């Protein structure tokens, strides 16, 4: 499916939302995965938008790769005395691992995460701050000036809803506000950063989705490519079967073994009752191999279950939150 051209954004508003003020320090984590010649100007607009959201605001930029131009612009900001810290990571590390490292490094009571080309109106970031009082993670859901066409129905979101029962309508904005405890708890790897809300929900965190005005970045679409589908399948396995791998492998293995067993019984019936010779028929070999393959898949599930059980005592246990005194 062809990519959908972006909605043309109106000039982003940079005024902070009135009446919203988070306690403690707010650390703004900005992911930079490609070159931006206007990164300093983008920072100034972002700094103006979040200036009134917390008692203190600091910025942490995560550079994915060499990116000499972006690094030079950020170095100028640091030299000017701006509250900016810059970390550079190898691009091969993966966006999710970079984000995890950034969440660990962020030292604020709240952490705001967004890409350098944040596809939301910066003046509406205060909506996320308003919602964090009742949640551990707040996710931005973009509302477009014009209703998205059928091609913009959100194939990724539709597929995650089908496979995982996801309640989130926009997983590609990648604008999140997290409490410190939630940022410490989340662990991502590979390219799972798009599915941060789902993984946070899987780990028992309260996740809220807040509508904000936004747009699709220039040239961005909502098509599903193979790497994204593979990432989604990996998240599907983690969400559904992380603590019960035998249900996944055992179900597949039993199905394959049962198919091979039924085929073998039918071939034996043909030989003993109908007198059909099996010497020149490869079907018996195939059915036997299916039985063996099914048993091997079941064995993989059992090994996974044993590993999960052996490490159960080391799994992180969260203290319950007292909701009624």
Protein backbone atom coordinates (compact mmCIF):
# COMPACT_ATOMS: atom_id res chain seq x y z
CA UNK A 1 0.00 0.00 0.00
CA UNK A 2 1.40 3.34 -0.95
CA UNK A 3 2.44 5.69 1.80
CA UNK A 4 0.04 8.47 2.70
CA UNK A 5 1.27 12.01 2.29
CA UNK A 6 1.40 14.11 5.43
CA UNK A 7 -1.11 16.66 6.56
CA UNK A 8 0.52 20.05 6.32
CA UNK A 9 0.95 21.27 9.91
CA UNK A 10 0.08 24.74 10.99
CA UNK A 11 2.91 26.61 12.75
CA UNK A 12 3.38 24.87 16.10
CA UNK A 13 2.21 26.77 19.13
CA UNK A 14 4.91 27.09 21.78
CA UNK A 15 3.01 28.69 24.64
CA UNK A 16 2.98 26.53 27.78
CA UNK A 17 -0.41 25.35 28.97
CA UNK A 18 -1.68 27.60 31.77
CA UNK A 19 -2.33 26.21 35.23
CA UNK A 20 -0.30 23.00 34.74
CA UNK A 21 2.75 22.50 36.92
CA UNK A 22 4.35 19.17 37.75
CA UNK A 23 6.06 18.71 41.08
CA UNK A 24 9.82 18.34 40.96
CA UNK A 25 12.02 18.23 37.89
CA UNK A 26 10.80 17.40 34.40
CA UNK A 27 13.35 15.71 32.15
CA UNK A 28 12.55 16.01 28.46
CA UNK A 29 14.10 13.13 26.51
CA UNK A 30 14.38 13.92 22.79
CA UNK A 31 15.21 11.14 20.34
CA UNK A 32 17.26 12.23 17.31
CA UNK A 33 17.54 9.48 14.70
CA UNK A 34 18.50 11.58 11.67
CA UNK A 35 20.08 14.92 10.82
CA UNK A 36 18.25 18.17 11.65
CA UNK A 37 19.81 21.40 10.45
CA UNK A 38 17.30 23.43 12.50
CA UNK A 39 17.69 21.44 15.71
CA UNK A 40 18.59 24.53 17.76
CA UNK A 41 15.39 26.28 16.65
CA UNK A 42 13.36 23.16 17.40
CA UNK A 43 14.88 23.10 20.88
CA UNK A 44 13.96 26.72 21.52
CA UNK A 45 10.34 26.09 20.55
CA UNK A 46 10.20 22.99 22.71
CA UNK A 47 11.82 24.75 25.67
CA UNK A 48 9.28 27.57 25.42
CA UNK A 49 6.41 25.06 25.32
CA UNK A 50 7.45 23.12 28.43
CA UNK A 51 8.86 26.02 30.45
CA UNK A 52 5.79 26.26 32.68
CA UNK A 53 5.08 22.55 33.07
CA UNK A 54 7.40 21.89 36.03
CA UNK A 55 9.43 23.59 38.71
CA UNK A 56 12.61 22.73 36.79
CA UNK A 57 13.07 21.46 33.23
CA UNK A 58 16.14 19.77 31.81
CA UNK A 59 16.72 18.24 28.37
CA UNK A 60 18.39 14.99 27.41
CA UNK A 61 19.07 14.42 23.70
CA UNK A 62 19.69 10.89 22.46
CA UNK A 63 21.62 10.75 19.19
CA UNK A 64 21.23 7.46 17.31
CA UNK A 65 24.37 7.30 15.18
CA UNK A 66 27.11 9.79 14.28
CA UNK A 67 24.84 12.68 13.08
CA UNK A 68 27.60 15.34 13.00
CA UNK A 69 25.29 18.23 12.07
CA UNK A 70 22.82 17.58 14.89
CA UNK A 71 25.70 17.01 17.30
CA UNK A 72 27.21 20.36 16.33
CA UNK A 73 23.91 22.20 16.87
CA UNK A 74 23.48 20.60 20.29
CA UNK A 75 27.07 21.40 21.24
CA UNK A 76 26.29 25.05 20.57
CA UNK A 77 23.30 24.83 22.90
CA UNK A 78 25.40 23.26 25.64
CA UNK A 79 28.08 25.94 25.20
CA UNK A 80 25.41 28.63 25.56
CA UNK A 81 24.57 27.35 29.04
CA UNK A 82 21.23 25.74 28.18
CA UNK A 83 20.17 22.87 30.51
CA UNK A 84 20.95 20.30 27.83
CA UNK A 85 22.78 16.97 28.02
CA UNK A 86 23.63 14.93 24.94
CA UNK A 87 24.22 11.19 24.70
CA UNK A 88 25.33 9.47 21.50
CA UNK A 89 24.71 5.79 20.79
CA UNK A 90 25.67 3.46 17.93
CA UNK A 91 22.83 3.24 15.44
CA UNK A 92 23.08 -0.56 15.49
CA UNK A 93 22.01 -0.57 19.14
CA UNK A 94 18.36 -0.09 18.17
CA UNK A 95 15.94 2.70 19.04
CA UNK A 96 14.35 0.79 21.92
CA UNK A 97 17.68 0.12 23.63
CA UNK A 98 18.66 3.77 23.16
CA UNK A 99 15.37 4.86 24.69
CA UNK A 100 15.79 2.48 27.64
CA UNK A 101 19.24 3.93 28.33
CA UNK A 102 17.78 7.42 28.09
CA UNK A 103 15.02 6.60 30.56
CA UNK A 104 17.62 5.33 33.02
CA UNK A 105 19.72 8.46 32.58
CA UNK A 106 16.81 10.89 32.92
CA UNK A 107 16.83 12.28 36.44
CA UNK A 108 13.45 13.99 36.67
CA UNK A 109 10.41 13.11 38.76
CA UNK A 110 8.60 13.00 35.40
CA UNK A 111 10.01 12.13 31.99
CA UNK A 112 8.62 13.50 28.74
CA UNK A 113 9.72 11.49 25.69
CA UNK A 114 9.28 12.68 22.12
CA UNK A 115 11.10 12.56 18.76
CA UNK A 116 12.96 15.60 17.48
CA UNK A 117 10.25 16.11 14.85
CA UNK A 118 7.44 15.70 17.36
CA UNK A 119 4.24 15.43 15.26
CA UNK A 120 2.08 17.26 17.82
CA UNK A 121 1.40 20.88 18.61
CA UNK A 122 3.89 21.67 21.33
CA UNK A 123 1.49 24.01 23.05
CA UNK A 124 -0.75 21.05 23.86
CA UNK A 125 1.86 19.07 25.79
CA UNK A 126 0.20 20.43 28.90
CA UNK A 127 -2.69 18.03 28.26
CA UNK A 128 -0.33 15.17 29.05
CA UNK A 129 0.72 16.85 32.28
CA UNK A 130 -2.93 17.25 33.28
CA UNK A 131 -3.56 13.52 32.83
CA UNK A 132 -0.47 12.19 34.61
CA UNK A 133 -2.15 12.63 37.98
CA UNK A 134 -4.32 9.59 37.30
CA UNK A 135 -1.87 7.45 35.35
CA UNK A 136 1.70 6.16 35.28
CA UNK A 137 2.16 6.73 31.55
CA UNK A 138 0.31 9.20 29.35
CA UNK A 139 0.28 8.68 25.57
CA UNK A 140 -0.43 11.39 23.00
CA UNK A 141 -3.11 10.56 20.46
CA UNK A 142 -2.99 12.84 17.46
CA UNK A 143 -6.19 14.48 16.28
CA UNK A 144 -5.88 15.66 12.69
CA UNK A 145 -7.36 18.87 11.30
CA UNK A 146 -9.14 16.79 8.65
CA UNK A 147 -10.60 13.32 9.30
CA UNK A 148 -8.08 10.69 8.16
CA UNK A 149 -8.99 8.93 4.95
CA UNK A 150 -9.56 5.20 4.73
CA UNK A 151 -5.87 4.75 3.90
CA UNK A 152 -5.05 6.49 7.17
CA UNK A 153 -7.20 4.16 9.23
CA UNK A 154 -4.08 3.06 11.13
CA UNK A 155 -3.09 -0.41 9.98
CA UNK A 156 -0.61 -0.83 12.82
CA UNK A 157 -3.21 0.12 15.40
CA UNK A 158 -5.83 -2.11 13.76
CA UNK A 159 -3.46 -5.09 13.78
CA UNK A 160 -2.44 -4.55 17.41
CA UNK A 161 -6.11 -4.29 18.31
CA UNK A 162 -6.78 -7.59 16.54
CA UNK A 163 -3.82 -9.50 17.99
CA UNK A 164 -3.48 -7.95 21.41
CA UNK A 165 -6.75 -6.19 22.12
CA UNK A 166 -4.88 -2.89 22.20
CA UNK A 167 -7.01 0.10 23.24
CA UNK A 168 -4.58 2.64 21.76
CA UNK A 169 -5.55 4.52 18.64
CA UNK A 170 -2.16 6.07 17.84
CA UNK A 171 1.10 4.18 18.40
CA UNK A 172 3.19 6.21 15.96
CA UNK A 173 3.15 9.62 17.60
CA UNK A 174 5.75 8.35 20.12
CA UNK A 175 5.07 11.21 22.55
CA UNK A 176 4.82 9.97 26.13
CA UNK A 177 4.91 11.37 29.65
CA UNK A 178 6.03 8.95 32.36
CA UNK A 179 6.37 8.98 36.11
CA UNK A 180 9.85 8.26 37.42
CA UNK A 181 8.83 4.82 38.73
CA UNK A 182 7.36 3.85 35.36
CA UNK A 183 10.50 4.98 33.52
CA UNK A 184 12.63 2.83 35.83
CA UNK A 185 10.42 -0.22 35.36
CA UNK A 186 10.26 -0.30 31.56
CA UNK A 187 12.81 -2.35 29.63
CA UNK A 188 12.79 -2.28 25.83
CA UNK A 189 15.08 -3.70 23.16
CA UNK A 190 15.34 -3.91 19.40
CA UNK A 191 12.66 -1.69 17.86
CA UNK A 192 9.95 -2.11 20.47
CA UNK A 193 9.83 1.58 21.31
CA UNK A 194 6.69 2.02 19.21
CA UNK A 195 4.89 -0.42 21.50
CA UNK A 196 5.90 1.23 24.77
CA UNK A 197 2.26 1.81 25.83
CA UNK A 198 1.41 -1.87 25.30
CA UNK A 199 4.49 -3.09 27.18
CA UNK A 200 3.80 -0.64 30.01
CA UNK A 201 0.24 -1.91 30.23
CA UNK A 202 1.50 -5.52 30.23
CA UNK A 203 3.70 -4.69 33.23
CA UNK A 204 0.71 -3.46 35.21
CA UNK A 205 1.20 0.27 34.74
CA UNK A 206 -1.78 2.58 34.31
CA UNK A 207 -1.67 4.02 30.80
CA UNK A 208 -3.89 6.87 29.59
CA UNK A 209 -4.27 8.17 26.03
CA UNK A 210 -4.87 11.89 25.63
CA UNK A 211 -6.00 13.58 22.38
CA UNK A 212 -3.79 16.40 21.11
CA UNK A 213 -3.65 18.19 17.80
CA UNK A 214 -1.01 16.82 15.47
CA UNK A 215 -0.07 15.73 11.97
CA UNK A 216 1.80 13.09 10.01
CA UNK A 217 5.44 14.08 9.38
CA UNK A 218 6.27 14.84 5.75
CA UNK A 219 6.54 11.64 3.72
CA UNK A 220 5.32 9.44 6.56
CA UNK A 221 2.59 6.90 6.03
CA UNK A 222 0.94 4.15 7.97
CA UNK A 223 1.90 1.23 5.81
CA UNK A 224 3.09 -1.97 7.39
CA UNK A 225 6.53 -3.17 6.29
CA UNK A 226 8.08 -6.52 7.13
CA UNK A 227 10.34 -5.31 10.00
CA UNK A 228 7.37 -3.64 11.67
CA UNK A 229 5.26 -6.79 11.34
CA UNK A 230 8.09 -8.86 12.85
CA UNK A 231 8.39 -6.39 15.75
CA UNK A 232 4.66 -6.66 16.30
CA UNK A 233 4.84 -10.47 16.36
CA UNK A 234 7.67 -10.29 18.91
CA UNK A 235 5.59 -8.00 21.11
CA UNK A 236 2.60 -10.32 20.65
CA UNK A 237 4.64 -13.21 22.03
CA UNK A 238 6.00 -11.13 24.92
CA UNK A 239 2.60 -9.80 25.91
CA UNK A 240 0.71 -13.07 25.59
CA UNK A 241 3.24 -15.76 26.48
CA UNK A 242 6.19 -14.23 28.34
CA UNK A 243 5.29 -16.00 31.60
CA UNK A 244 3.61 -19.04 30.01
CA UNK A 245 5.71 -20.15 27.00
CA UNK A 246 4.36 -23.71 27.11
CA UNK A 247 0.91 -22.49 26.09
CA UNK A 248 2.38 -21.13 22.87
CA UNK A 249 4.81 -23.91 21.96
CA UNK A 250 2.70 -26.65 23.51
CA UNK A 251 -0.36 -25.70 21.48
CA UNK A 252 1.57 -25.63 18.21
CA UNK A 253 3.45 -28.83 19.06
CA UNK A 254 0.33 -30.74 20.02
CA UNK A 255 -1.35 -29.70 16.78
CA UNK A 256 1.58 -30.81 14.63
CA UNK A 257 2.04 -34.07 16.55
CA UNK A 258 -1.69 -34.83 16.39
CA UNK A 259 -1.72 -34.25 12.63
CA UNK A 260 1.25 -36.56 12.17
CA UNK A 261 -0.23 -39.17 14.51
CA UNK A 262 -3.57 -39.24 12.68
CA UNK A 263 -1.78 -39.57 9.32
CA UNK A 264 0.34 -42.41 10.69
CA UNK A 265 -2.71 -44.24 12.06
CA UNK A 266 -4.46 -43.93 8.71
CA UNK A 267 -1.43 -45.33 6.88
CA UNK A 268 -1.22 -48.24 9.32
CA UNK A 269 -4.95 -48.86 8.81
CA UNK A 270 -4.44 -48.93 5.05
CA UNK A 271 -1.60 -51.41 5.42
CA UNK A 272 -3.26 -53.80 7.88
CA UNK A 273 -6.88 -53.64 6.71
CA UNK A 274 -6.79 -52.58 3.07
CA UNK A 275 -3.52 -54.29 2.20
CA UNK A 276 -1.94 -51.20 0.63
CA UNK A 277 1.85 -51.44 0.67
CA UNK A 278 3.86 -48.65 2.35
CA UNK A 279 7.33 -49.46 1.04
CA UNK A 280 7.18 -47.04 -1.91
CA UNK A 281 5.12 -44.32 -0.21
CA UNK A 282 6.87 -41.30 1.35
CA UNK A 283 3.70 -40.44 3.31
CA UNK A 284 4.78 -42.65 6.22
CA UNK A 285 8.10 -40.82 6.50
CA UNK A 286 6.33 -37.44 6.36
CA UNK A 287 3.76 -38.39 9.01
CA UNK A 288 6.49 -39.74 11.29
CA UNK A 289 8.50 -36.56 10.87
CA UNK A 290 5.43 -34.52 11.84
CA UNK A 291 5.13 -36.51 15.06
CA UNK A 292 8.82 -35.98 15.86
CA UNK A 293 8.61 -32.27 15.00
CA UNK A 294 5.56 -31.82 17.22
CA UNK A 295 7.34 -33.50 20.14
CA UNK A 296 10.37 -31.24 19.63
CA UNK A 297 8.21 -28.11 19.67
CA UNK A 298 6.54 -29.34 22.87
CA UNK A 299 10.00 -29.92 24.35
CA UNK A 300 10.98 -26.32 23.52
CA UNK A 301 7.87 -25.13 25.37
CA UNK A 302 8.72 -27.26 28.39
CA UNK A 303 12.28 -25.92 28.46
CA UNK A 304 10.91 -22.37 28.30
CA UNK A 305 8.52 -23.16 31.14
CA UNK A 306 11.37 -24.58 33.25
CA UNK A 307 13.49 -21.47 32.63
CA UNK A 308 10.58 -19.22 33.57
CA UNK A 309 9.98 -21.21 36.76
CA UNK A 310 13.69 -21.21 37.67
CA UNK A 311 13.84 -17.41 37.37
CA UNK A 312 10.45 -16.72 38.94
CA UNK A 313 12.03 -15.80 42.25
CA UNK A 314 14.13 -13.15 40.55
CA UNK A 315 11.22 -11.50 38.75
CA UNK A 316 10.57 -7.97 39.83
CA UNK A 317 7.78 -7.74 42.35
CA UNK A 318 5.96 -4.45 42.63
CA UNK A 319 4.58 -3.19 45.88
CA UNK A 320 0.79 -2.88 45.81
CA UNK A 321 -0.62 0.61 45.80
CA UNK A 322 -2.95 1.41 48.66
CA UNK A 323 -6.13 2.75 47.08
CA UNK A 324 -8.46 2.58 50.11
CA UNK A 325 -7.41 3.47 53.68
